[in-house]
Amino acid sequence: MKELVEVLAKALVDHPDEVVVTEKTEGKNVTIELSVAQSDMGKVIGKQGRIAKAIRAVVKAASSKDNLRVDVEIV
């Protein structure tokens, strides 16, 4: 899941070298933290959070086959 979030984020931002993705696993719960440059924050979140919701939806769909619960946090 970490790689999926990283690919999606790097495609959206102007500074892909500053994209940092960390993954924390606790049983069947996985938390993925996405950090981008301050100037790219709006591009990752989108108007009214639409891009962030779309990223979360794609990750949720991809994680459902592995029977995991994945949360994506943008920090």
PDB file of N, CA and C in Angstrom:
ATOM      1  N   MET A   1       0.802  -1.186   0.000  1.00  0.00           N
ATOM      2  CA  MET A   1       0.000   0.000   0.000  1.00  0.00           C
ATOM      3  C   MET A   1       0.859   1.270   0.000  1.00  0.00           C
ATOM      4  N   LYS A   2       1.997   1.191   0.665  1.00  0.00           N
ATOM      5  CA  LYS A   2       2.903   2.329   0.744  1.00  0.00           C
ATOM      6  C   LYS A   2       3.329   2.779  -0.654  1.00  0.00           C
ATOM      7  N   GLU A   3       3.651   1.814  -1.505  1.00  0.00           N
ATOM      8  CA  GLU A   3       4.105   2.129  -2.858  1.00  0.00           C
ATOM      9  C   GLU A   3       2.994   2.781  -3.670  1.00  0.00           C
ATOM     10  N   LEU A   4       1.768   2.318  -3.484  1.00  0.00           N
ATOM     11  CA  LEU A   4       0.619   2.870  -4.206  1.00  0.00           C
ATOM     12  C   LEU A   4       0.424   4.344  -3.855  1.00  0.00           C
ATOM     13  N   VAL A   5       0.456   4.669  -2.571  1.00  0.00           N
ATOM     14  CA  VAL A   5       0.284   6.053  -2.136  1.00  0.00           C
ATOM     15  C   VAL A   5       1.423   6.917  -2.661  1.00  0.00           C
ATOM     16  N   GLU A   6       2.632   6.368  -2.643  1.00  0.00           N
ATOM     17  CA  GLU A   6       3.798   7.125  -3.110  1.00  0.00           C
ATOM     18  C   GLU A   6       3.683   7.451  -4.599  1.00  0.00           C
ATOM     19  N   VAL A   7       3.267   6.487  -5.402  1.00  0.00           N
ATOM     20  CA  VAL A   7       3.115   6.711  -6.843  1.00  0.00           C
ATOM     21  C   VAL A   7       2.026   7.744  -7.117  1.00  0.00           C
ATOM     22  N   LEU A   8       0.901   7.634  -6.424  1.00  0.00           N
ATOM     23  CA  LEU A   8      -0.187   8.586  -6.612  1.00  0.00           C
ATOM     24  C   LEU A   8       0.242  10.008  -6.226  1.00  0.00           C
ATOM     25  N   ALA A   9       0.920  10.143  -5.100  1.00  0.00           N
ATOM     26  CA  ALA A   9       1.327  11.463  -4.622  1.00  0.00           C
ATOM     27  C   ALA A   9       2.375  12.089  -5.546  1.00  0.00           C
ATOM     28  N   LYS A  10       3.334  11.299  -5.981  1.00  0.00           N
ATOM     29  CA  LYS A  10       4.381  11.846  -6.854  1.00  0.00           C
ATOM     30  C   LYS A  10       3.817  12.303  -8.190  1.00  0.00           C
ATOM     31  N   ALA A  11       2.736  11.689  -8.641  1.00  0.00           N
ATOM     32  CA  ALA A  11       2.112  12.096  -9.897  1.00  0.00           C
ATOM     33  C   ALA A  11       1.382  13.438  -9.753  1.00  0.00           C
ATOM     34  N   LEU A  12       1.002  13.800  -8.548  1.00  0.00           N
ATOM     35  CA  LEU A  12       0.214  15.009  -8.322  1.00  0.00           C
ATOM     36  C   LEU A  12       1.045  16.258  -8.050  1.00  0.00           C
ATOM     37  N   VAL A  13       2.215  16.108  -7.452  1.00  0.00           N
ATOM     38  CA  VAL A  13       2.953  17.254  -6.913  1.00  0.00           C
ATOM     39  C   VAL A  13       3.993  17.804  -7.894  1.00  0.00           C
ATOM     40  N   ASP A  14       4.461  19.030  -7.602  1.00  0.00           N
ATOM     41  CA  ASP A  14       5.525  19.657  -8.389  1.00  0.00           C
ATOM     42  C   ASP A  14       6.911  19.241  -7.914  1.00  0.00           C
ATOM     43  N   HIS A  15       7.012  18.835  -6.655  1.00  0.00           N
ATOM     44  CA  HIS A  15       8.305  18.438  -6.071  1.00  0.00           C
ATOM     45  C   HIS A  15       8.235  16.978  -5.618  1.00  0.00           C
ATOM     46  N   PRO A  16       8.314  16.025  -6.554  1.00  0.00           N
ATOM     47  CA  PRO A  16       8.167  14.610  -6.174  1.00  0.00           C
ATOM     48  C   PRO A  16       9.298  14.080  -5.294  1.00  0.00           C
ATOM     49  N   ASP A  17      10.437  14.764  -5.289  1.00  0.00           N
ATOM     50  CA  ASP A  17      11.543  14.322  -4.441  1.00  0.00           C
ATOM     51  C   ASP A  17      11.282  14.581  -2.966  1.00  0.00           C
ATOM     52  N   GLU A  18      10.305  15.427  -2.640  1.00  0.00           N
ATOM     53  CA  GLU A  18       9.990  15.738  -1.241  1.00  0.00           C
ATOM     54  C   GLU A  18       8.824  14.919  -0.696  1.00  0.00           C
ATOM     55  N   VAL A  19       8.337  13.954  -1.455  1.00  0.00           N
ATOM     56  CA  VAL A  19       7.253  13.089  -0.999  1.00  0.00           C
ATOM     57  C   VAL A  19       7.829  12.015  -0.079  1.00  0.00           C
ATOM     58  N   VAL A  20       7.280  11.922   1.127  1.00  0.00           N
ATOM     59  CA  VAL A  20       7.718  10.922   2.103  1.00  0.00           C
ATOM     60  C   VAL A  20       6.492  10.150   2.569  1.00  0.00           C
ATOM     61  N   VAL A  21       6.570   8.821   2.456  1.00  0.00           N
ATOM     62  CA  VAL A  21       5.461   7.963   2.863  1.00  0.00           C
ATOM     63  C   VAL A  21       5.981   6.985   3.909  1.00  0.00           C
ATOM     64  N   THR A  22       5.315   6.932   5.058  1.00  0.00           N
ATOM     65  CA  THR A  22       5.675   5.971   6.099  1.00  0.00           C
ATOM     66  C   THR A  22       4.471   5.087   6.393  1.00  0.00           C
ATOM     67  N   GLU A  23       4.753   3.867   6.790  1.00  0.00           N
ATOM     68  CA  GLU A  23       3.694   2.887   7.027  1.00  0.00           C
ATOM     69  C   GLU A  23       3.861   2.284   8.416  1.00  0.00           C
ATOM     70  N   LYS A  24       2.784   2.260   9.184  1.00  0.00           N
ATOM     71  CA  LYS A  24       2.780   1.660  10.520  1.00  0.00           C
ATOM     72  C   LYS A  24       1.719   0.579  10.547  1.00  0.00           C
ATOM     73  N   THR A  25       2.098  -0.622  10.962  1.00  0.00           N
ATOM     74  CA  THR A  25       1.181  -1.745  10.976  1.00  0.00           C
ATOM     75  C   THR A  25       0.928  -2.196  12.409  1.00  0.00           C
ATOM     76  N   GLU A  26      -0.355  -2.354  12.745  1.00  0.00           N
ATOM     77  CA  GLU A  26      -0.761  -2.880  14.053  1.00  0.00           C
ATOM     78  C   GLU A  26      -1.833  -3.927  13.803  1.00  0.00           C
ATOM     79  N   GLY A  27      -1.435  -5.164  13.686  1.00  0.00           N
ATOM     80  CA  GLY A  27      -2.385  -6.228  13.394  1.00  0.00           C
ATOM     81  C   GLY A  27      -2.922  -6.086  11.987  1.00  0.00           C
ATOM     82  N   LYS A  28      -4.253  -5.929  11.876  1.00  0.00           N
ATOM     83  CA  LYS A  28      -4.868  -5.741  10.554  1.00  0.00           C
ATOM     84  C   LYS A  28      -5.119  -4.279  10.246  1.00  0.00           C
ATOM     85  N   ASN A  29      -4.669  -3.389  11.114  1.00  0.00           N
ATOM     86  CA  ASN A  29      -4.801  -1.947  10.887  1.00  0.00           C
ATOM     87  C   ASN A  29      -3.472  -1.391  10.397  1.00  0.00           C
ATOM     88  N   VAL A  30      -3.516  -0.679   9.292  1.00  0.00           N
ATOM     89  CA  VAL A  30      -2.326  -0.065   8.717  1.00  0.00           C
ATOM     90  C   VAL A  30      -2.572   1.433   8.602  1.00  0.00           C
ATOM     91  N   THR A  31      -1.602   2.223   9.077  1.00  0.00           N
ATOM     92  CA  THR A  31      -1.684   3.676   8.956  1.00  0.00           C
ATOM     93  C   THR A  31      -0.579   4.127   8.025  1.00  0.00           C
ATOM     94  N   ILE A  32      -0.958   4.836   6.980  1.00  0.00           N
ATOM     95  CA  ILE A  32       0.011   5.360   6.028  1.00  0.00           C
ATOM     96  C   ILE A  32       0.019   6.872   6.167  1.00  0.00           C
ATOM     97  N   GLU A  33       1.206   7.430   6.445  1.00  0.00           N
ATOM     98  CA  GLU A  33       1.352   8.875   6.594  1.00  0.00           C
ATOM     99  C   GLU A  33       2.031   9.426   5.353  1.00  0.00           C
ATOM    100  N   LEU A  34       1.413  10.419   4.745  1.00  0.00           N
ATOM    101  CA  LEU A  34       1.921  11.044   3.534  1.00  0.00           C
ATOM    102  C   LEU A  34       2.354  12.456   3.871  1.00  0.00           C
ATOM    103  N   SER A  35       3.601  12.775   3.554  1.00  0.00           N
ATOM    104  CA  SER A  35       4.138  14.105   3.793  1.00  0.00           C
ATOM    105  C   SER A  35       4.653  14.657   2.475  1.00  0.00           C
ATOM    106  N   VAL A  36       4.244  15.874   2.142  1.00  0.00           N
ATOM    107  CA  VAL A  36       4.678  16.523   0.905  1.00  0.00           C
ATOM    108  C   VAL A  36       5.179  17.929   1.237  1.00  0.00           C
ATOM    109  N   ALA A  37       5.769  18.590   0.247  1.00  0.00           N
ATOM    110  CA  ALA A  37       6.237  19.968   0.432  1.00  0.00           C
ATOM    111  C   ALA A  37       5.038  20.861   0.741  1.00  0.00           C
ATOM    112  N   GLN A  38       5.278  21.905   1.496  1.00  0.00           N
ATOM    113  CA  GLN A  38       4.192  22.809   1.898  1.00  0.00           C
ATOM    114  C   GLN A  38       3.480  23.406   0.685  1.00  0.00           C
ATOM    115  N   SER A  39       4.223  23.708  -0.371  1.00  0.00           N
ATOM    116  CA  SER A  39       3.611  24.307  -1.559  1.00  0.00           C
ATOM    117  C   SER A  39       2.748  23.309  -2.336  1.00  0.00           C
ATOM    118  N   ASP A  40       2.953  22.015  -2.113  1.00  0.00           N
ATOM    119  CA  ASP A  40       2.185  20.977  -2.802  1.00  0.00           C
ATOM    120  C   ASP A  40       1.003  20.458  -1.990  1.00  0.00           C
ATOM    121  N   MET A  41       0.828  20.952  -0.782  1.00  0.00           N
ATOM    122  CA  MET A  41      -0.220  20.437   0.099  1.00  0.00           C
ATOM    123  C   MET A  41      -1.610  20.598  -0.525  1.00  0.00           C
ATOM    124  N   GLY A  42      -1.866  21.723  -1.157  1.00  0.00           N
ATOM    125  CA  GLY A  42      -3.167  21.957  -1.776  1.00  0.00           C
ATOM    126  C   GLY A  42      -3.454  21.016  -2.922  1.00  0.00           C
ATOM    127  N   LYS A  43      -2.418  20.624  -3.642  1.00  0.00           N
ATOM    128  CA  LYS A  43      -2.603  19.704  -4.765  1.00  0.00           C
ATOM    129  C   LYS A  43      -2.953  18.303  -4.289  1.00  0.00           C
ATOM    130  N   VAL A  44      -2.440  17.914  -3.153  1.00  0.00           N
ATOM    131  CA  VAL A  44      -2.709  16.578  -2.616  1.00  0.00           C
ATOM    132  C   VAL A  44      -4.083  16.531  -1.956  1.00  0.00           C
ATOM    133  N   ILE A  45      -4.482  17.619  -1.324  1.00  0.00           N
ATOM    134  CA  ILE A  45      -5.777  17.657  -0.652  1.00  0.00           C
ATOM    135  C   ILE A  45      -6.898  17.946  -1.655  1.00  0.00           C
ATOM    136  N   GLY A  46      -6.702  18.911  -2.533  1.00  0.00           N
ATOM    137  CA  GLY A  46      -7.708  19.247  -3.534  1.00  0.00           C
ATOM    138  C   GLY A  46      -8.815  20.115  -2.971  1.00  0.00           C
ATOM    139  N   LYS A  47      -9.655  20.603  -3.869  1.00  0.00           N
ATOM    140  CA  LYS A  47     -10.783  21.437  -3.440  1.00  0.00           C
ATOM    141  C   LYS A  47     -11.758  20.599  -2.626  1.00  0.00           C
ATOM    142  N   GLN A  48     -12.072  21.099  -1.444  1.00  0.00           N
ATOM    143  CA  GLN A  48     -12.986  20.435  -0.501  1.00  0.00           C
ATOM    144  C   GLN A  48     -12.535  19.007  -0.186  1.00  0.00           C
ATOM    145  N   GLY A  49     -11.236  18.729  -0.309  1.00  0.00           N
ATOM    146  CA  GLY A  49     -10.697  17.418   0.054  1.00  0.00           C
ATOM    147  C   GLY A  49     -10.994  16.310  -0.933  1.00  0.00           C
ATOM    148  N   ARG A  50     -11.349  16.663  -2.159  1.00  0.00           N
ATOM    149  CA  ARG A  50     -11.740  15.637  -3.134  1.00  0.00           C
ATOM    150  C   ARG A  50     -10.584  14.728  -3.535  1.00  0.00           C
ATOM    151  N   ILE A  51      -9.398  15.293  -3.727  1.00  0.00           N
ATOM    152  CA  ILE A  51      -8.248  14.471  -4.121  1.00  0.00           C
ATOM    153  C   ILE A  51      -7.876  13.531  -2.973  1.00  0.00           C
ATOM    154  N   ALA A  52      -7.864  14.049  -1.746  1.00  0.00           N
ATOM    155  CA  ALA A  52      -7.544  13.219  -0.585  1.00  0.00           C
ATOM    156  C   ALA A  52      -8.553  12.082  -0.438  1.00  0.00           C
ATOM    157  N   LYS A  53      -9.822  12.365  -0.642  1.00  0.00           N
ATOM    158  CA  LYS A  53     -10.849  11.322  -0.571  1.00  0.00           C
ATOM    159  C   LYS A  53     -10.641  10.276  -1.653  1.00  0.00           C
ATOM    160  N   ALA A  54     -10.246  10.724  -2.848  1.00  0.00           N
ATOM    161  CA  ALA A  54     -10.012   9.791  -3.951  1.00  0.00           C
ATOM    162  C   ALA A  54      -8.819   8.884  -3.654  1.00  0.00           C
ATOM    163  N   ILE A  55      -7.755   9.453  -3.093  1.00  0.00           N
ATOM    164  CA  ILE A  55      -6.592   8.634  -2.723  1.00  0.00           C
ATOM    165  C   ILE A  55      -7.001   7.598  -1.692  1.00  0.00           C
ATOM    166  N   ARG A  56      -7.756   8.011  -0.690  1.00  0.00           N
ATOM    167  CA  ARG A  56      -8.213   7.080   0.351  1.00  0.00           C
ATOM    168  C   ARG A  56      -9.109   5.984  -0.236  1.00  0.00           C
ATOM    169  N   ALA A  57      -9.960   6.347  -1.194  1.00  0.00           N
ATOM    170  CA  ALA A  57     -10.850   5.360  -1.812  1.00  0.00           C
ATOM    171  C   ALA A  57     -10.060   4.324  -2.613  1.00  0.00           C
ATOM    172  N   VAL A  58      -9.059   4.761  -3.353  1.00  0.00           N
ATOM    173  CA  VAL A  58      -8.231   3.835  -4.140  1.00  0.00           C
ATOM    174  C   VAL A  58      -7.469   2.893  -3.211  1.00  0.00           C
ATOM    175  N   VAL A  59      -6.906   3.427  -2.146  1.00  0.00           N
ATOM    176  CA  VAL A  59      -6.158   2.597  -1.197  1.00  0.00           C
ATOM    177  C   VAL A  59      -7.086   1.618  -0.493  1.00  0.00           C
ATOM    178  N   LYS A  60      -8.282   2.067  -0.142  1.00  0.00           N
ATOM    179  CA  LYS A  60      -9.255   1.182   0.512  1.00  0.00           C
ATOM    180  C   LYS A  60      -9.647   0.034  -0.409  1.00  0.00           C
ATOM    181  N   ALA A  61      -9.867   0.339  -1.683  1.00  0.00           N
ATOM    182  CA  ALA A  61     -10.230  -0.698  -2.645  1.00  0.00           C
ATOM    183  C   ALA A  61      -9.088  -1.695  -2.822  1.00  0.00           C
ATOM    184  N   ALA A  62      -7.860  -1.198  -2.885  1.00  0.00           N
ATOM    185  CA  ALA A  62      -6.712  -2.080  -3.061  1.00  0.00           C
ATOM    186  C   ALA A  62      -6.451  -2.927  -1.821  1.00  0.00           C
ATOM    187  N   SER A  63      -6.764  -2.397  -0.634  1.00  0.00           N
ATOM    188  CA  SER A  63      -6.496  -3.132   0.595  1.00  0.00           C
ATOM    189  C   SER A  63      -7.583  -4.144   0.928  1.00  0.00           C
ATOM    190  N   SER A  64      -8.740  -4.018   0.313  1.00  0.00           N
ATOM    191  CA  SER A  64      -9.839  -4.915   0.649  1.00  0.00           C
ATOM    192  C   SER A  64      -9.542  -6.363   0.265  1.00  0.00           C
ATOM    193  N   LYS A  65      -8.766  -6.578  -0.786  1.00  0.00           N
ATOM    194  CA  LYS A  65      -8.445  -7.956  -1.175  1.00  0.00           C
ATOM    195  C   LYS A  65      -7.487  -8.620  -0.183  1.00  0.00           C
ATOM    196  N   ASP A  66      -6.706  -7.804   0.557  1.00  0.00           N
ATOM    197  CA  ASP A  66      -5.798  -8.335   1.573  1.00  0.00           C
ATOM    198  C   ASP A  66      -6.455  -8.396   2.947  1.00  0.00           C
ATOM    199  N   ASN A  67      -7.726  -8.002   3.029  1.00  0.00           N
ATOM    200  CA  ASN A  67      -8.483  -8.005   4.278  1.00  0.00           C
ATOM    201  C   ASN A  67      -7.803  -7.140   5.347  1.00  0.00           C
ATOM    202  N   LEU A  68      -7.358  -5.936   4.935  1.00  0.00           N
ATOM    203  CA  LEU A  68      -6.722  -4.992   5.845  1.00  0.00           C
ATOM    204  C   LEU A  68      -7.571  -3.736   5.947  1.00  0.00           C
ATOM    205  N   ARG A  69      -7.383  -2.996   7.035  1.00  0.00           N
ATOM    206  CA  ARG A  69      -8.012  -1.682   7.195  1.00  0.00           C
ATOM    207  C   ARG A  69      -6.895  -0.655   7.123  1.00  0.00           C
ATOM    208  N   VAL A  70      -6.924   0.168   6.081  1.00  0.00           N
ATOM    209  CA  VAL A  70      -5.849   1.113   5.837  1.00  0.00           C
ATOM    210  C   VAL A  70      -6.379   2.536   5.990  1.00  0.00           C
ATOM    211  N   ASP A  71      -5.675   3.330   6.794  1.00  0.00           N
ATOM    212  CA  ASP A  71      -5.980   4.754   6.970  1.00  0.00           C
ATOM    213  C   ASP A  71      -4.846   5.565   6.339  1.00  0.00           C
ATOM    214  N   VAL A  72      -5.191   6.560   5.543  1.00  0.00           N
ATOM    215  CA  VAL A  72      -4.190   7.444   4.933  1.00  0.00           C
ATOM    216  C   VAL A  72      -4.302   8.795   5.614  1.00  0.00           C
ATOM    217  N   GLU A  73      -3.192   9.238   6.204  1.00  0.00           N
ATOM    218  CA  GLU A  73      -3.145  10.536   6.872  1.00  0.00           C
ATOM    219  C   GLU A  73      -2.171  11.442   6.122  1.00  0.00           C
ATOM    220  N   ILE A  74      -2.610  12.653   5.842  1.00  0.00           N
ATOM    221  CA  ILE A  74      -1.756  13.627   5.179  1.00  0.00           C
ATOM    222  C   ILE A  74      -1.239  14.591   6.245  1.00  0.00           C
ATOM    223  N   VAL A  75       0.068  14.579   6.427  1.00  0.00           N
ATOM    224  CA  VAL A  75       0.686  15.409   7.490  1.00  0.00           C
ATOM    225  C   VAL A  75       1.569  16.486   6.895  1.00  0.00           C
TER     226      VAL A  75
END
